[in-house]
Protein backbone atom coordinates (compact mmCIF):
# COMPACT_ATOMS: atom_id res chain seq x y z
CA MET A 1 18.13 -14.56 -18.34
CA VAL A 2 14.94 -15.40 -16.54
CA VAL A 3 12.18 -13.07 -15.33
CA PHE A 4 9.60 -14.28 -12.83
CA ASN A 5 6.27 -12.44 -12.82
CA LEU A 6 4.44 -13.67 -9.74
CA GLY A 7 1.67 -12.44 -7.51
CA TYR A 8 -0.06 -13.38 -4.28
CA THR A 9 -3.38 -12.15 -2.87
CA ALA A 10 -4.82 -12.64 0.62
CA PRO A 11 -7.90 -11.34 2.41
CA ILE A 12 -6.98 -8.71 4.99
CA ASN A 13 -9.92 -9.30 7.37
CA ARG A 14 -10.45 -13.01 7.90
CA ALA A 15 -13.13 -14.32 10.23
CA GLY A 16 -12.03 -14.20 13.85
CA GLN A 17 -9.16 -11.78 13.33
CA GLU A 18 -9.32 -8.63 15.39
CA PRO A 19 -9.32 -5.78 14.91
CA THR A 20 -11.01 -5.46 11.54
CA LEU A 21 -8.73 -3.23 9.49
CA THR A 22 -9.98 -0.27 7.48
CA LEU A 23 -8.58 0.93 4.16
CA ALA A 24 -7.15 3.99 5.95
CA GLN A 25 -5.30 1.78 8.45
CA VAL A 26 -3.94 -0.50 5.74
CA TRP A 27 -2.81 2.51 3.70
CA ALA A 28 -1.06 3.96 6.77
CA GLY A 29 0.61 0.58 7.19
CA LEU A 30 1.86 0.52 3.62
CA GLN A 31 3.25 4.04 4.03
CA ARG A 32 5.07 2.92 7.18
CA LYS A 33 6.34 -0.18 5.35
CA VAL A 34 8.14 2.05 2.85
CA ARG A 35 10.07 3.71 5.70
CA HIS A 36 10.41 0.73 8.07
CA ALA A 37 10.49 -2.32 5.78
CA GLN A 38 12.23 -4.52 8.36
CA GLU A 39 9.07 -4.43 10.53
CA PHE A 40 7.02 -5.94 7.70
CA VAL A 41 9.24 -8.27 5.68
CA PRO A 42 11.33 -10.72 7.73
CA VAL A 43 14.08 -11.04 5.06
CA ILE A 44 14.81 -7.29 5.28
CA VAL A 45 17.05 -6.34 8.20
CA GLU A 46 17.58 -2.63 7.62
CA CYS A 47 15.86 0.26 5.84
CA GLY A 48 17.05 3.83 5.43
CA VAL A 49 15.21 6.69 3.74
CA LEU A 50 17.47 8.77 1.48
CA SER A 51 14.88 11.25 0.21
CA GLU A 52 11.16 11.98 0.00
CA GLU A 53 9.47 14.30 -2.50
CA LYS A 54 6.41 14.82 -4.64
CA ASP A 55 6.59 13.40 -8.16
CA PRO A 56 7.17 16.46 -10.36
CA SER A 57 4.80 15.12 -13.02
CA LYS A 58 2.04 14.05 -10.58
CA ASP A 59 1.48 16.17 -7.46
CA ASP A 60 -0.50 13.47 -5.70
CA VAL A 61 2.31 10.87 -5.93
CA VAL A 62 4.92 10.72 -3.16
CA VAL A 63 8.33 9.33 -4.12
CA VAL A 64 10.60 7.87 -1.44
CA THR A 65 14.11 6.74 -2.28
CA ARG A 66 15.50 4.29 0.23
CA THR A 67 18.04 1.57 0.81
CA VAL A 68 17.17 -1.85 2.19
CA ARG A 69 19.52 -4.58 3.32
CA PHE A 70 18.47 -8.22 3.04
CA LYS A 71 19.46 -11.15 5.21
CA PRO A 72 22.30 -13.18 3.71
CA GLY A 73 20.89 -15.52 1.06
CA ALA A 74 17.62 -13.59 0.78
CA GLY A 75 16.54 -11.06 -1.82
CA PRO A 76 19.07 -9.71 -4.27
CA GLY A 77 21.72 -9.80 -1.56
CA GLY A 78 23.36 -7.01 0.34
CA GLN A 79 22.06 -3.47 0.21
CA VAL A 80 19.65 -2.41 -2.53
CA LYS A 81 18.50 1.06 -3.51
CA GLU A 82 14.77 1.35 -4.23
CA VAL A 83 12.51 4.10 -5.48
CA CYS A 84 9.04 3.78 -3.94
CA LYS A 85 6.03 5.56 -5.42
CA HIS A 86 2.83 5.97 -3.37
CA TYR A 87 -0.50 6.10 -5.19
CA ALA A 88 -2.97 6.85 -2.37
CA PRO A 89 -4.86 5.05 -1.04
CA CYS A 90 -4.25 1.70 -2.66
CA ARG A 91 -0.86 1.16 -4.34
CA VAL A 92 2.87 1.41 -3.73
CA ASP A 93 5.40 0.52 -6.45
CA PHE A 94 9.00 -0.36 -5.61
CA TYR A 95 11.66 -0.07 -8.32
CA GLN A 96 15.09 -1.64 -7.85
CA GLN A 97 18.21 -0.77 -9.82
CA ASP A 98 18.35 -4.17 -11.57
CA GLY A 99 14.89 -3.68 -13.10
CA THR A 100 13.05 -5.70 -10.47
CA THR A 101 9.64 -4.17 -9.74
CA ILE A 102 7.32 -4.92 -6.83
CA SER A 103 3.80 -3.53 -6.46
CA ASN A 104 1.65 -3.63 -3.32
CA PHE A 105 -2.10 -3.23 -3.86
CA VAL A 106 -5.09 -2.98 -1.55
CA ALA A 107 -8.40 -3.70 -3.27
CA SER A 108 -12.05 -4.18 -2.40
CA GLY A 109 -13.35 -7.73 -2.38
CA PRO A 110 -16.39 -9.14 -4.15
CA SER A 111 -18.92 -8.13 -1.46
CA GLY A 112 -18.07 -4.44 -1.80
CA GLU A 113 -18.29 -4.08 1.97
CA PRO A 114 -15.73 -1.70 3.52
CA GLU A 115 -14.15 -4.51 5.55
CA ASP A 116 -13.87 -6.84 2.51
CA LEU A 117 -10.31 -5.88 1.60
CA HIS A 118 -7.58 -7.87 -0.11
CA MET A 119 -3.84 -7.31 -0.37
CA THR A 120 -1.96 -8.28 -3.50
CA TYR A 121 1.77 -8.12 -4.09
CA MET A 122 2.99 -8.43 -7.67
CA PHE A 123 6.66 -9.18 -8.33
CA GLU A 124 8.78 -8.92 -11.44
CA TRP A 125 12.04 -10.56 -10.37
CA ARG A 126 14.93 -10.41 -12.85
CA HIS A 127 17.82 -12.87 -12.82
CA PRO A 128 20.23 -12.16 -15.67
CA ASP A 129 22.60 -14.97 -14.68
CA VAL A 130 19.97 -17.74 -14.58
CA GLU A 131 18.96 -19.70 -17.66
CA ALA A 132 15.20 -19.92 -18.29
CA GLY A 133 13.91 -23.49 -17.90
CA SER A 134 16.94 -24.65 -15.92
CA GLU A 135 16.72 -26.56 -12.64
CA GLU A 136 18.04 -23.47 -10.88
CA ALA A 137 15.24 -21.40 -12.42
CA LYS A 138 12.61 -23.91 -11.26
CA LYS A 139 13.96 -23.82 -7.70
CA MET A 140 14.10 -20.03 -7.73
CA GLU A 141 10.54 -19.75 -8.98
CA GLU A 142 9.28 -21.95 -6.15
CA ALA A 143 11.28 -19.92 -3.60
CA HIS A 144 9.85 -16.68 -5.04
CA ARG A 145 6.30 -18.03 -4.74
CA LYS A 146 6.91 -18.74 -1.04
CA THR A 147 8.47 -15.31 -0.59
CA ALA A 148 5.45 -13.62 -2.21
CA LYS A 149 3.05 -15.37 0.17
CA MET A 150 5.24 -14.60 3.18
CA ALA A 151 5.53 -10.92 2.23
CA VAL A 152 1.75 -10.44 1.95
CA GLU A 153 0.87 -12.43 5.06
CA SER A 154 3.56 -10.83 7.23
CA SER A 155 2.56 -7.33 6.07
CA ILE A 156 -1.08 -7.93 7.02
CA GLU A 157 -0.06 -9.37 10.40
CA THR A 158 2.25 -6.43 11.07
CA ILE A 159 -0.38 -3.84 10.18
CA ARG A 160 -2.89 -5.56 12.47
CA ARG A 161 -0.33 -5.67 15.31
CA LEU A 162 0.58 -1.99 14.86
CA VAL A 163 -3.12 -1.04 14.97
CA LYS A 164 -3.54 -3.06 18.20
CA GLU A 165 -0.50 -1.29 19.66
CA GLY A 166 -1.94 2.11 18.73
CA LYS A 167 0.90 2.89 16.30
CA LEU A 168 -1.42 3.16 13.29
CA GLU A 169 -4.75 4.98 13.26
């Protein structure tokens, strides 16, 4: 079995990109991403919310259970059930049935200025049928690194587009 723990971070507000996104807008985008994942991650083609509730042990945590379907050859394949926990205003954790965990973070950058925001996605991908150190594992790790970058960049682009379109405040 092999487990890949990978992350990718990107600045949210790069020079020349308009509009400048606020933490509130990015948080609204991440909340929308939980319910409409296909708008944010190109390898997801369908998303359906099964339930939404407050975490019984933490009143300020919203728990959404959903299903997502990936494009053929992408993700774990087929339809996957995920439990998504929202930790306002900066983190969403996604738990898949096979033990895979994905966390989306929004954090302040080094300047401390409100517009100096960064998005980080952390992935713990589990592959029980792949041997650690094998050629297959090396290829998968490289593919996962590309997927991590794509997921962060496409999420930022989508949030910015939705703000421009007036769909996020």
